């Protein structure tokens, strides 16, 4: 059995996970990375994507995260996410509506800054849909 380490996932609304994990696959801004027990110190920003968690009891979960930070070290992993939700609880119709709204925001943008922001949001939402 793999060694376990403390893992916490916190969003502004609530603490989603607090327990012992054996592996966590994280969507980092520079690419996906896996954290195991006794990981070297590492700090990363998060990109929108799906976090894959294997807990010490053998259970696993998939959690959508958007934005935030990951702090890995030999003592464990802490994720502070701007937004986090269990994939099983996500409403795909709401995601489709958000994508449509973002497309309209791109079309309605009045200046380059607004258009760039809308295009970034649209790309993030489409990426989330692709990984789900």
Protein backbone atom coordinates (compact mmCIF):
# COMPACT_ATOMS: atom_id res chain seq x y z
CA UNK A 1 0.00 0.00 0.00
CA UNK A 2 1.28 3.46 -0.89
CA UNK A 3 2.20 5.91 1.83
CA UNK A 4 -0.48 8.43 2.72
CA UNK A 5 -0.11 12.17 3.28
CA UNK A 6 -2.40 14.93 4.58
CA UNK A 7 -4.48 16.54 1.83
CA UNK A 8 -6.79 19.52 2.05
CA UNK A 9 -8.88 21.20 -0.65
CA UNK A 10 -10.46 24.50 0.32
CA UNK A 11 -12.62 26.92 -1.67
CA UNK A 12 -14.09 30.23 -0.49
CA UNK A 13 -17.40 28.47 0.17
CA UNK A 14 -16.17 25.45 2.12
CA UNK A 15 -13.59 22.80 2.79
CA UNK A 16 -14.23 20.04 0.24
CA UNK A 17 -11.62 17.49 1.32
CA UNK A 18 -9.57 17.00 4.45
CA UNK A 19 -7.96 13.62 4.96
CA UNK A 20 -5.19 11.21 4.11
CA UNK A 21 -4.50 10.71 0.39
CA UNK A 22 -2.12 8.39 -1.43
CA UNK A 23 -2.12 10.28 -4.74
CA UNK A 24 -3.47 13.55 -6.10
CA UNK A 25 -3.29 14.53 -9.78
CA UNK A 26 -3.44 18.32 -10.06
CA UNK A 27 -4.15 20.53 -13.12
CA UNK A 28 -1.26 22.98 -12.71
CA UNK A 29 -0.91 26.11 -14.82
CA UNK A 30 2.31 24.73 -16.32
CA UNK A 31 0.85 21.26 -16.80
CA UNK A 32 -0.64 18.39 -14.87
CA UNK A 33 1.39 17.02 -11.95
CA UNK A 34 1.02 14.18 -9.46
CA UNK A 35 1.68 14.51 -5.74
CA UNK A 36 2.67 11.48 -3.66
CA UNK A 37 3.84 11.18 -0.05
CA UNK A 38 7.07 13.04 0.82
CA UNK A 39 6.83 15.27 -2.25
CA UNK A 40 9.57 17.88 -2.65
CA UNK A 41 8.46 21.43 -1.83
CA UNK A 42 6.53 22.82 -4.78
CA UNK A 43 4.18 25.75 -5.31
CA UNK A 44 1.97 26.08 -8.40
CA UNK A 45 -0.99 28.00 -9.66
CA UNK A 46 -3.99 25.99 -10.85
CA UNK A 47 -5.66 26.06 -14.24
CA UNK A 48 -9.28 25.05 -14.74
CA UNK A 49 -9.48 21.29 -14.81
CA UNK A 50 -10.24 18.12 -12.92
CA UNK A 51 -8.39 17.10 -9.79
CA UNK A 52 -8.13 13.31 -9.36
CA UNK A 53 -7.80 12.19 -5.74
CA UNK A 54 -7.08 8.72 -4.36
CA UNK A 55 -7.65 8.58 -0.61
CA UNK A 56 -5.84 6.28 1.82
CA UNK A 57 -9.02 4.21 2.30
CA UNK A 58 -8.99 3.38 -1.43
CA UNK A 59 -11.83 5.70 -2.40
CA UNK A 60 -11.32 8.12 -5.27
CA UNK A 61 -12.96 11.32 -6.40
CA UNK A 62 -12.87 13.77 -9.30
CA UNK A 63 -13.22 17.44 -8.45
CA UNK A 64 -13.41 20.38 -10.84
CA UNK A 65 -11.16 23.28 -9.79
CA UNK A 66 -10.82 26.75 -11.29
CA UNK A 67 -7.96 28.99 -10.28
CA UNK A 68 -6.02 29.01 -7.06
CA UNK A 69 -2.80 27.59 -5.66
CA UNK A 70 -1.27 24.22 -4.79
CA UNK A 71 1.29 23.95 -1.99
CA UNK A 72 3.01 20.56 -1.91
CA UNK A 73 5.74 19.66 0.57
CA UNK A 74 6.96 16.58 2.47
CA UNK A 75 4.24 17.21 5.08
CA UNK A 76 1.30 17.11 2.64
CA UNK A 77 -0.67 18.99 -0.01
CA UNK A 78 -2.94 21.99 0.39
CA UNK A 79 -5.04 23.34 -2.48
CA UNK A 80 -6.71 26.73 -2.25
CA UNK A 81 -9.12 26.92 -5.17
CA UNK A 82 -11.11 29.93 -6.37
CA UNK A 83 -13.88 27.50 -7.27
CA UNK A 84 -14.23 23.77 -6.60
CA UNK A 85 -17.05 21.29 -7.12
CA UNK A 86 -17.34 17.52 -7.23
CA UNK A 87 -17.69 16.48 -10.88
CA UNK A 88 -20.64 14.23 -9.98
CA UNK A 89 -22.51 17.31 -8.70
CA UNK A 90 -21.92 19.47 -11.77
CA UNK A 91 -24.84 20.56 -13.95
CA UNK A 92 -23.80 20.23 -17.60
CA UNK A 93 -26.73 22.39 -18.75
CA UNK A 94 -25.42 25.26 -16.61
CA UNK A 95 -21.95 24.78 -18.11
CA UNK A 96 -23.40 24.86 -21.64
CA UNK A 97 -25.27 28.07 -20.78
CA UNK A 98 -22.10 29.65 -19.36
CA UNK A 99 -20.27 28.80 -22.61
CA UNK A 100 -23.05 30.38 -24.67
CA UNK A 101 -22.98 33.49 -22.44
CA UNK A 102 -19.19 33.72 -22.86
CA UNK A 103 -19.54 33.51 -26.65
CA UNK A 104 -22.01 36.39 -26.52
CA UNK A 105 -19.62 38.36 -24.30
CA UNK A 106 -16.87 37.93 -26.93
CA UNK A 107 -19.21 39.15 -29.67
CA UNK A 108 -20.43 42.10 -27.59
CA UNK A 109 -17.00 43.25 -26.33
CA UNK A 110 -16.54 47.01 -26.73
CA UNK A 111 -12.73 47.12 -26.55
CA UNK A 112 -9.66 44.88 -26.80
CA UNK A 113 -9.34 44.39 -23.04
CA UNK A 114 -12.95 43.26 -22.69
CA UNK A 115 -12.63 40.99 -25.72
CA UNK A 116 -9.43 39.40 -24.38
CA UNK A 117 -11.04 38.78 -20.99
CA UNK A 118 -14.14 37.26 -22.60
CA UNK A 119 -12.04 35.06 -24.91
CA UNK A 120 -10.01 33.83 -21.93
CA UNK A 121 -13.17 32.95 -20.00
CA UNK A 122 -14.64 31.18 -23.05
CA UNK A 123 -11.45 29.15 -23.55
CA UNK A 124 -11.44 28.15 -19.88
CA UNK A 125 -15.07 27.01 -19.99
CA UNK A 126 -14.53 25.04 -23.20
CA UNK A 127 -11.47 23.40 -21.65
CA UNK A 128 -13.50 22.41 -18.59
CA UNK A 129 -16.20 20.87 -20.78
CA UNK A 130 -13.55 18.94 -22.72
CA UNK A 131 -12.08 17.35 -19.56
CA UNK A 132 -15.46 16.39 -18.16
